[in-house]
């Protein structure tokens, strides 16, 4: 999985309108959704029941701006920890 700096750049740059940037974001968002779904399923706890995907992506935006060198997977793990509380 890519670094948070890649996530942030593709979500905030004017290049986000290009086909390549859109493809990157769709793939990244799909990966995050699948990852969270898999963790939810494996834990037997549906912590995504009331979750909003845009809110989740916004939280990843925040975490990635704060820690650009971490992976998007680490940002997703932080969200899992919050949702399991």
PDB file of N, CA and C in Angstrom:
ATOM      1  N   UNK A   1       0.853  -1.171   0.000  1.00  0.00           N
ATOM      2  CA  UNK A   1       0.000   0.000   0.000  1.00  0.00           C
ATOM      3  C   UNK A   1       0.891   1.223   0.000  1.00  0.00           C
ATOM      4  N   UNK A   2       0.403   2.275  -0.553  1.00  0.00           N
ATOM      5  CA  UNK A   2       1.168   3.508  -0.713  1.00  0.00           C
ATOM      6  C   UNK A   2       1.271   4.316   0.573  1.00  0.00           C
ATOM      7  N   UNK A   3       2.111   5.287   0.519  1.00  0.00           N
ATOM      8  CA  UNK A   3       2.307   6.178   1.659  1.00  0.00           C
ATOM      9  C   UNK A   3       1.188   7.203   1.745  1.00  0.00           C
ATOM     10  N   UNK A   4       1.016   7.728   2.930  1.00  0.00           N
ATOM     11  CA  UNK A   4       0.027   8.779   3.135  1.00  0.00           C
ATOM     12  C   UNK A   4       0.302  10.003   2.264  1.00  0.00           C
ATOM     13  N   UNK A   5       1.554  10.283   2.017  1.00  0.00           N
ATOM     14  CA  UNK A   5       1.866  11.444   1.171  1.00  0.00           C
ATOM     15  C   UNK A   5       1.263  11.274  -0.227  1.00  0.00           C
ATOM     16  N   UNK A   6       1.228  10.035  -0.740  1.00  0.00           N
ATOM     17  CA  UNK A   6       0.604   9.772  -2.044  1.00  0.00           C
ATOM     18  C   UNK A   6      -0.906   9.988  -1.972  1.00  0.00           C
ATOM     19  N   UNK A   7      -1.504   9.480  -0.892  1.00  0.00           N
ATOM     20  CA  UNK A   7      -2.948   9.640  -0.678  1.00  0.00           C
ATOM     21  C   UNK A   7      -3.310  11.130  -0.670  1.00  0.00           C
ATOM     22  N   UNK A   8      -2.584  11.895   0.156  1.00  0.00           N
ATOM     23  CA  UNK A   8      -2.873  13.316   0.307  1.00  0.00           C
ATOM     24  C   UNK A   8      -2.681  14.063  -1.007  1.00  0.00           C
ATOM     25  N   UNK A   9      -1.612  13.776  -1.688  1.00  0.00           N
ATOM     26  CA  UNK A   9      -1.335  14.451  -2.946  1.00  0.00           C
ATOM     27  C   UNK A   9      -2.453  14.196  -3.958  1.00  0.00           C
ATOM     28  N   UNK A  10      -2.889  12.974  -4.048  1.00  0.00           N
ATOM     29  CA  UNK A  10      -3.919  12.655  -5.032  1.00  0.00           C
ATOM     30  C   UNK A  10      -5.289  13.209  -4.638  1.00  0.00           C
ATOM     31  N   UNK A  11      -5.521  13.409  -3.343  1.00  0.00           N
ATOM     32  CA  UNK A  11      -6.816  13.934  -2.883  1.00  0.00           C
ATOM     33  C   UNK A  11      -6.875  15.456  -2.922  1.00  0.00           C
ATOM     34  N   UNK A  12      -5.721  16.117  -2.913  1.00  0.00           N
ATOM     35  CA  UNK A  12      -5.736  17.573  -2.778  1.00  0.00           C
ATOM     36  C   UNK A  12      -5.178  18.332  -3.970  1.00  0.00           C
ATOM     37  N   UNK A  13      -4.488  17.672  -4.859  1.00  0.00           N
ATOM     38  CA  UNK A  13      -3.848  18.403  -5.946  1.00  0.00           C
ATOM     39  C   UNK A  13      -4.820  18.685  -7.083  1.00  0.00           C
ATOM     40  N   UNK A  14      -4.449  19.640  -7.882  1.00  0.00           N
ATOM     41  CA  UNK A  14      -5.257  19.940  -9.067  1.00  0.00           C
ATOM     42  C   UNK A  14      -5.176  18.798 -10.065  1.00  0.00           C
ATOM     43  N   UNK A  15      -4.176  17.944  -9.888  1.00  0.00           N
ATOM     44  CA  UNK A  15      -4.047  16.779 -10.755  1.00  0.00           C
ATOM     45  C   UNK A  15      -5.089  15.709 -10.438  1.00  0.00           C
ATOM     46  N   UNK A  16      -5.842  15.908  -9.345  1.00  0.00           N
ATOM     47  CA  UNK A  16      -6.829  14.898  -8.961  1.00  0.00           C
ATOM     48  C   UNK A  16      -7.923  14.745 -10.000  1.00  0.00           C
ATOM     49  N   UNK A  17      -7.944  15.625 -10.964  1.00  0.00           N
ATOM     50  CA  UNK A  17      -8.949  15.529 -12.020  1.00  0.00           C
ATOM     51  C   UNK A  17      -8.481  14.672 -13.191  1.00  0.00           C
ATOM     52  N   UNK A  18      -7.221  14.274 -13.183  1.00  0.00           N
ATOM     53  CA  UNK A  18      -6.722  13.454 -14.276  1.00  0.00           C
ATOM     54  C   UNK A  18      -7.202  12.017 -14.111  1.00  0.00           C
ATOM     55  N   UNK A  19      -7.247  11.304 -15.201  1.00  0.00           N
ATOM     56  CA  UNK A  19      -7.706   9.907 -15.161  1.00  0.00           C
ATOM     57  C   UNK A  19      -6.814   9.056 -14.268  1.00  0.00           C
ATOM     58  N   UNK A  20      -5.510   9.296 -14.308  1.00  0.00           N
ATOM     59  CA  UNK A  20      -4.582   8.525 -13.489  1.00  0.00           C
ATOM     60  C   UNK A  20      -4.822   8.772 -12.007  1.00  0.00           C
ATOM     61  N   UNK A  21      -4.995  10.033 -11.632  1.00  0.00           N
ATOM     62  CA  UNK A  21      -5.228  10.361 -10.221  1.00  0.00           C
ATOM     63  C   UNK A  21      -6.568   9.803  -9.753  1.00  0.00           C
ATOM     64  N   UNK A  22      -7.575   9.905 -10.593  1.00  0.00           N
ATOM     65  CA  UNK A  22      -8.882   9.356 -10.219  1.00  0.00           C
ATOM     66  C   UNK A  22      -8.805   7.850 -10.049  1.00  0.00           C
ATOM     67  N   UNK A  23      -8.080   7.192 -10.938  1.00  0.00           N
ATOM     68  CA  UNK A  23      -7.915   5.742 -10.840  1.00  0.00           C
ATOM     69  C   UNK A  23      -7.187   5.371  -9.557  1.00  0.00           C
ATOM     70  N   UNK A  24      -6.143   6.112  -9.207  1.00  0.00           N
ATOM     71  CA  UNK A  24      -5.400   5.865  -7.975  1.00  0.00           C
ATOM     72  C   UNK A  24      -6.336   5.986  -6.773  1.00  0.00           C
ATOM     73  N   UNK A  25      -7.140   7.054  -6.746  1.00  0.00           N
ATOM     74  CA  UNK A  25      -8.013   7.274  -5.603  1.00  0.00           C
ATOM     75  C   UNK A  25      -9.096   6.210  -5.514  1.00  0.00           C
ATOM     76  N   UNK A  26      -9.675   5.841  -6.630  1.00  0.00           N
ATOM     77  CA  UNK A  26     -10.698   4.789  -6.604  1.00  0.00           C
ATOM     78  C   UNK A  26     -10.093   3.495  -6.083  1.00  0.00           C
ATOM     79  N   UNK A  27      -8.920   3.147  -6.580  1.00  0.00           N
ATOM     80  CA  UNK A  27      -8.255   1.929  -6.117  1.00  0.00           C
ATOM     81  C   UNK A  27      -7.912   2.001  -4.629  1.00  0.00           C
ATOM     82  N   UNK A  28      -7.419   3.139  -4.188  1.00  0.00           N
ATOM     83  CA  UNK A  28      -7.054   3.304  -2.778  1.00  0.00           C
ATOM     84  C   UNK A  28      -8.281   3.267  -1.877  1.00  0.00           C
ATOM     85  N   UNK A  29      -9.332   3.960  -2.287  1.00  0.00           N
ATOM     86  CA  UNK A  29     -10.555   3.959  -1.491  1.00  0.00           C
ATOM     87  C   UNK A  29     -11.168   2.563  -1.446  1.00  0.00           C
ATOM     88  N   UNK A  30     -11.142   1.864  -2.573  1.00  0.00           N
ATOM     89  CA  UNK A  30     -11.656   0.492  -2.594  1.00  0.00           C
ATOM     90  C   UNK A  30     -10.823  -0.416  -1.686  1.00  0.00           C
ATOM     91  N   UNK A  31      -9.510  -0.232  -1.695  1.00  0.00           N
ATOM     92  CA  UNK A  31      -8.650  -1.031  -0.831  1.00  0.00           C
ATOM     93  C   UNK A  31      -9.009  -0.780   0.641  1.00  0.00           C
ATOM     94  N   UNK A  32      -9.136   0.494   1.014  1.00  0.00           N
ATOM     95  CA  UNK A  32      -9.468   0.833   2.402  1.00  0.00           C
ATOM     96  C   UNK A  32     -10.809   0.214   2.782  1.00  0.00           C
ATOM     97  N   UNK A  33     -11.803   0.349   1.923  1.00  0.00           N
ATOM     98  CA  UNK A  33     -13.115  -0.229   2.199  1.00  0.00           C
ATOM     99  C   UNK A  33     -13.052  -1.735   2.367  1.00  0.00           C
ATOM    100  N   UNK A  34     -12.332  -2.396   1.493  1.00  0.00           N
ATOM    101  CA  UNK A  34     -12.181  -3.848   1.581  1.00  0.00           C
ATOM    102  C   UNK A  34     -11.412  -4.268   2.819  1.00  0.00           C
ATOM    103  N   UNK A  35     -10.380  -3.533   3.142  1.00  0.00           N
ATOM    104  CA  UNK A  35      -9.579  -3.835   4.331  1.00  0.00           C
ATOM    105  C   UNK A  35     -10.439  -3.717   5.588  1.00  0.00           C
ATOM    106  N   UNK A  36     -11.161  -2.600   5.711  1.00  0.00           N
ATOM    107  CA  UNK A  36     -12.002  -2.402   6.890  1.00  0.00           C
ATOM    108  C   UNK A  36     -13.096  -3.456   6.970  1.00  0.00           C
ATOM    109  N   UNK A  37     -13.655  -3.799   5.833  1.00  0.00           N
ATOM    110  CA  UNK A  37     -14.684  -4.839   5.794  1.00  0.00           C
ATOM    111  C   UNK A  37     -14.121  -6.188   6.236  1.00  0.00           C
ATOM    112  N   UNK A  38     -12.928  -6.504   5.770  1.00  0.00           N
ATOM    113  CA  UNK A  38     -12.278  -7.754   6.153  1.00  0.00           C
ATOM    114  C   UNK A  38     -11.965  -7.821   7.629  1.00  0.00           C
ATOM    115  N   UNK A  39     -11.474  -6.722   8.181  1.00  0.00           N
ATOM    116  CA  UNK A  39     -11.177  -6.680   9.619  1.00  0.00           C
ATOM    117  C   UNK A  39     -12.474  -6.815  10.413  1.00  0.00           C
ATOM    118  N   UNK A  40     -13.514  -6.124   9.970  1.00  0.00           N
ATOM    119  CA  UNK A  40     -14.805  -6.206  10.641  1.00  0.00           C
ATOM    120  C   UNK A  40     -15.327  -7.638  10.639  1.00  0.00           C
ATOM    121  N   UNK A  41     -15.238  -8.285   9.512  1.00  0.00           N
ATOM    122  CA  UNK A  41     -15.721  -9.654   9.377  1.00  0.00           C
ATOM    123  C   UNK A  41     -14.906 -10.622  10.228  1.00  0.00           C
ATOM    124  N   UNK A  42     -13.605 -10.463  10.203  1.00  0.00           N
ATOM    125  CA  UNK A  42     -12.751 -11.394  10.952  1.00  0.00           C
ATOM    126  C   UNK A  42     -12.893 -11.217  12.460  1.00  0.00           C
ATOM    127  N   UNK A  43     -13.276 -10.017  12.898  1.00  0.00           N
ATOM    128  CA  UNK A  43     -13.489  -9.773  14.329  1.00  0.00           C
ATOM    129  C   UNK A  43     -14.878 -10.179  14.780  1.00  0.00           C
ATOM    130  N   UNK A  44     -15.751 -10.427  13.832  1.00  0.00           N
ATOM    131  CA  UNK A  44     -17.118 -10.770  14.179  1.00  0.00           C
ATOM    132  C   UNK A  44     -17.905  -9.602  14.744  1.00  0.00           C
ATOM    133  N   UNK A  45     -17.384  -8.402  14.561  1.00  0.00           N
ATOM    134  CA  UNK A  45     -18.030  -7.184  15.051  1.00  0.00           C
ATOM    135  C   UNK A  45     -18.266  -6.270  13.852  1.00  0.00           C
ATOM    136  N   UNK A  46     -19.517  -5.949  13.599  1.00  0.00           N
ATOM    137  CA  UNK A  46     -19.821  -5.090  12.458  1.00  0.00           C
ATOM    138  C   UNK A  46     -19.652  -3.625  12.839  1.00  0.00           C
ATOM    139  N   UNK A  47     -18.407  -3.190  12.958  1.00  0.00           N
ATOM    140  CA  UNK A  47     -18.150  -1.807  13.344  1.00  0.00           C
ATOM    141  C   UNK A  47     -18.378  -0.832  12.197  1.00  0.00           C
ATOM    142  N   UNK A  48     -18.711  -1.343  11.026  1.00  0.00           N
ATOM    143  CA  UNK A  48     -18.980  -0.477   9.879  1.00  0.00           C
ATOM    144  C   UNK A  48     -20.476  -0.209   9.690  1.00  0.00           C
ATOM    145  N   UNK A  49     -21.316  -0.801  10.518  1.00  0.00           N
ATOM    146  CA  UNK A  49     -22.765  -0.699  10.363  1.00  0.00           C
ATOM    147  C   UNK A  49     -23.219   0.748  10.190  1.00  0.00           C
ATOM    148  N   UNK A  50     -22.756   1.622  11.036  1.00  0.00           N
ATOM    149  CA  UNK A  50     -23.178   3.025  10.987  1.00  0.00           C
ATOM    150  C   UNK A  50     -22.089   3.945  10.438  1.00  0.00           C
ATOM    151  N   UNK A  51     -21.089   3.358   9.841  1.00  0.00           N
ATOM    152  CA  UNK A  51     -19.970   4.147   9.330  1.00  0.00           C
ATOM    153  C   UNK A  51     -20.306   4.751   7.968  1.00  0.00           C
ATOM    154  N   UNK A  52     -19.786   5.919   7.742  1.00  0.00           N
ATOM    155  CA  UNK A  52     -19.945   6.631   6.479  1.00  0.00           C
ATOM    156  C   UNK A  52     -18.596   6.628   5.762  1.00  0.00           C
ATOM    157  N   UNK A  53     -18.581   6.111   4.548  1.00  0.00           N
ATOM    158  CA  UNK A  53     -17.300   5.976   3.841  1.00  0.00           C
ATOM    159  C   UNK A  53     -16.609   7.322   3.647  1.00  0.00           C
ATOM    160  N   UNK A  54     -17.359   8.371   3.351  1.00  0.00           N
ATOM    161  CA  UNK A  54     -16.716   9.680   3.174  1.00  0.00           C
ATOM    162  C   UNK A  54     -16.112  10.177   4.483  1.00  0.00           C
ATOM    163  N   UNK A  55     -16.766   9.891   5.597  1.00  0.00           N
ATOM    164  CA  UNK A  55     -16.210  10.272   6.899  1.00  0.00           C
ATOM    165  C   UNK A  55     -14.919   9.495   7.178  1.00  0.00           C
ATOM    166  N   UNK A  56     -14.917   8.226   6.799  1.00  0.00           N
ATOM    167  CA  UNK A  56     -13.703   7.412   6.967  1.00  0.00           C
ATOM    168  C   UNK A  56     -12.575   7.972   6.115  1.00  0.00           C
ATOM    169  N   UNK A  57     -12.867   8.297   4.855  1.00  0.00           N
ATOM    170  CA  UNK A  57     -11.828   8.843   3.980  1.00  0.00           C
ATOM    171  C   UNK A  57     -11.353  10.205   4.483  1.00  0.00           C
ATOM    172  N   UNK A  58     -12.256  10.983   5.038  1.00  0.00           N
ATOM    173  CA  UNK A  58     -11.867  12.277   5.609  1.00  0.00           C
ATOM    174  C   UNK A  58     -10.936  12.084   6.804  1.00  0.00           C
ATOM    175  N   UNK A  59     -11.201  11.058   7.607  1.00  0.00           N
ATOM    176  CA  UNK A  59     -10.318  10.767   8.743  1.00  0.00           C
ATOM    177  C   UNK A  59      -8.943  10.326   8.248  1.00  0.00           C
ATOM    178  N   UNK A  60      -8.916   9.552   7.185  1.00  0.00           N
ATOM    179  CA  UNK A  60      -7.622   9.166   6.600  1.00  0.00           C
ATOM    180  C   UNK A  60      -6.917  10.409   6.066  1.00  0.00           C
ATOM    181  N   UNK A  61      -7.671  11.327   5.457  1.00  0.00           N
ATOM    182  CA  UNK A  61      -7.079  12.597   5.000  1.00  0.00           C
ATOM    183  C   UNK A  61      -6.367  13.292   6.154  1.00  0.00           C
ATOM    184  N   UNK A  62      -7.036  13.384   7.294  1.00  0.00           N
ATOM    185  CA  UNK A  62      -6.471  14.074   8.455  1.00  0.00           C
ATOM    186  C   UNK A  62      -5.217  13.353   8.946  1.00  0.00           C
ATOM    187  N   UNK A  63      -5.325  12.049   9.126  1.00  0.00           N
ATOM    188  CA  UNK A  63      -4.174  11.288   9.621  1.00  0.00           C
ATOM    189  C   UNK A  63      -2.998  11.366   8.654  1.00  0.00           C
ATOM    190  N   UNK A  64      -3.297  11.323   7.375  1.00  0.00           N
ATOM    191  CA  UNK A  64      -2.215  11.350   6.387  1.00  0.00           C
ATOM    192  C   UNK A  64      -1.549  12.718   6.305  1.00  0.00           C
ATOM    193  N   UNK A  65      -2.311  13.784   6.530  1.00  0.00           N
ATOM    194  CA  UNK A  65      -1.679  15.110   6.574  1.00  0.00           C
ATOM    195  C   UNK A  65      -0.772  15.232   7.783  1.00  0.00           C
ATOM    196  N   UNK A  66      -1.174  14.604   8.900  1.00  0.00           N
ATOM    197  CA  UNK A  66      -0.367  14.674  10.122  1.00  0.00           C
ATOM    198  C   UNK A  66       0.875  13.786  10.063  1.00  0.00           C
ATOM    199  N   UNK A  67       0.761  12.652   9.363  1.00  0.00           N
ATOM    200  CA  UNK A  67       1.870  11.688   9.298  1.00  0.00           C
ATOM    201  C   UNK A  67       2.071  11.224   7.848  1.00  0.00           C
ATOM    202  N   UNK A  68       2.622  12.075   7.002  1.00  0.00           N
ATOM    203  CA  UNK A  68       2.743  11.738   5.582  1.00  0.00           C
ATOM    204  C   UNK A  68       3.648  10.548   5.270  1.00  0.00           C
ATOM    205  N   UNK A  69       4.535  10.187   6.185  1.00  0.00           N
ATOM    206  CA  UNK A  69       5.435   9.072   5.899  1.00  0.00           C
ATOM    207  C   UNK A  69       4.851   7.719   6.307  1.00  0.00           C
ATOM    208  N   UNK A  70       3.706   7.706   6.996  1.00  0.00           N
ATOM    209  CA  UNK A  70       3.092   6.423   7.342  1.00  0.00           C
ATOM    210  C   UNK A  70       2.363   5.863   6.125  1.00  0.00           C
ATOM    211  N   UNK A  71       2.068   4.599   6.172  1.00  0.00           N
ATOM    212  CA  UNK A  71       1.335   3.978   5.072  1.00  0.00           C
ATOM    213  C   UNK A  71      -0.164   4.219   5.248  1.00  0.00           C
ATOM    214  N   UNK A  72      -0.877   4.143   4.150  1.00  0.00           N
ATOM    215  CA  UNK A  72      -2.335   4.252   4.200  1.00  0.00           C
ATOM    216  C   UNK A  72      -2.893   3.093   5.041  1.00  0.00           C
ATOM    217  N   UNK A  73      -2.238   1.952   4.991  1.00  0.00           N
ATOM    218  CA  UNK A  73      -2.656   0.807   5.810  1.00  0.00           C
ATOM    219  C   UNK A  73      -2.578   1.152   7.295  1.00  0.00           C
ATOM    220  N   UNK A  74      -1.534   1.852   7.714  1.00  0.00           N
ATOM    221  CA  UNK A  74      -1.426   2.259   9.119  1.00  0.00           C
ATOM    222  C   UNK A  74      -2.536   3.236   9.487  1.00  0.00           C
ATOM    223  N   UNK A  75      -2.865   4.139   8.579  1.00  0.00           N
ATOM    224  CA  UNK A  75      -3.966   5.073   8.824  1.00  0.00           C
ATOM    225  C   UNK A  75      -5.277   4.306   8.957  1.00  0.00           C
ATOM    226  N   UNK A  76      -5.478   3.311   8.107  1.00  0.00           N
ATOM    227  CA  UNK A  76      -6.687   2.478   8.177  1.00  0.00           C
ATOM    228  C   UNK A  76      -6.728   1.709   9.499  1.00  0.00           C
ATOM    229  N   UNK A  77      -5.577   1.210   9.958  1.00  0.00           N
ATOM    230  CA  UNK A  77      -5.518   0.513  11.251  1.00  0.00           C
ATOM    231  C   UNK A  77      -5.923   1.438  12.402  1.00  0.00           C
ATOM    232  N   UNK A  78      -5.530   2.683  12.320  1.00  0.00           N
ATOM    233  CA  UNK A  78      -5.916   3.651  13.358  1.00  0.00           C
ATOM    234  C   UNK A  78      -7.428   3.826  13.388  1.00  0.00           C
ATOM    235  N   UNK A  79      -8.034   3.829  12.214  1.00  0.00           N
ATOM    236  CA  UNK A  79      -9.488   3.951  12.131  1.00  0.00           C
ATOM    237  C   UNK A  79     -10.154   2.728  12.734  1.00  0.00           C
ATOM    238  N   UNK A  80      -9.611   1.550  12.459  1.00  0.00           N
ATOM    239  CA  UNK A  80     -10.150   0.326  13.042  1.00  0.00           C
ATOM    240  C   UNK A  80     -10.154   0.437  14.566  1.00  0.00           C
ATOM    241  N   UNK A  81      -9.049   0.872  15.121  1.00  0.00           N
ATOM    242  CA  UNK A  81      -8.951   1.002  16.579  1.00  0.00           C
ATOM    243  C   UNK A  81     -10.007   1.965  17.124  1.00  0.00           C
ATOM    244  N   UNK A  82     -10.252   3.051  16.418  1.00  0.00           N
ATOM    245  CA  UNK A  82     -11.268   4.003  16.848  1.00  0.00           C
ATOM    246  C   UNK A  82     -12.666   3.421  16.744  1.00  0.00           C
ATOM    247  N   UNK A  83     -12.940   2.723  15.662  1.00  0.00           N
ATOM    248  CA  UNK A  83     -14.277   2.158  15.445  1.00  0.00           C
ATOM    249  C   UNK A  83     -14.586   1.016  16.403  1.00  0.00           C
ATOM    250  N   UNK A  84     -13.546   0.354  16.909  1.00  0.00           N
ATOM    251  CA  UNK A  84     -13.754  -0.756  17.846  1.00  0.00           C
ATOM    252  C   UNK A  84     -13.960  -0.289  19.277  1.00  0.00           C
ATOM    253  N   UNK A  85     -13.757   0.986  19.536  1.00  0.00           N
ATOM    254  CA  UNK A  85     -13.919   1.502  20.902  1.00  0.00           C
ATOM    255  C   UNK A  85     -15.391   1.505  21.294  1.00  0.00           C
TER     256      UNK A  85
END
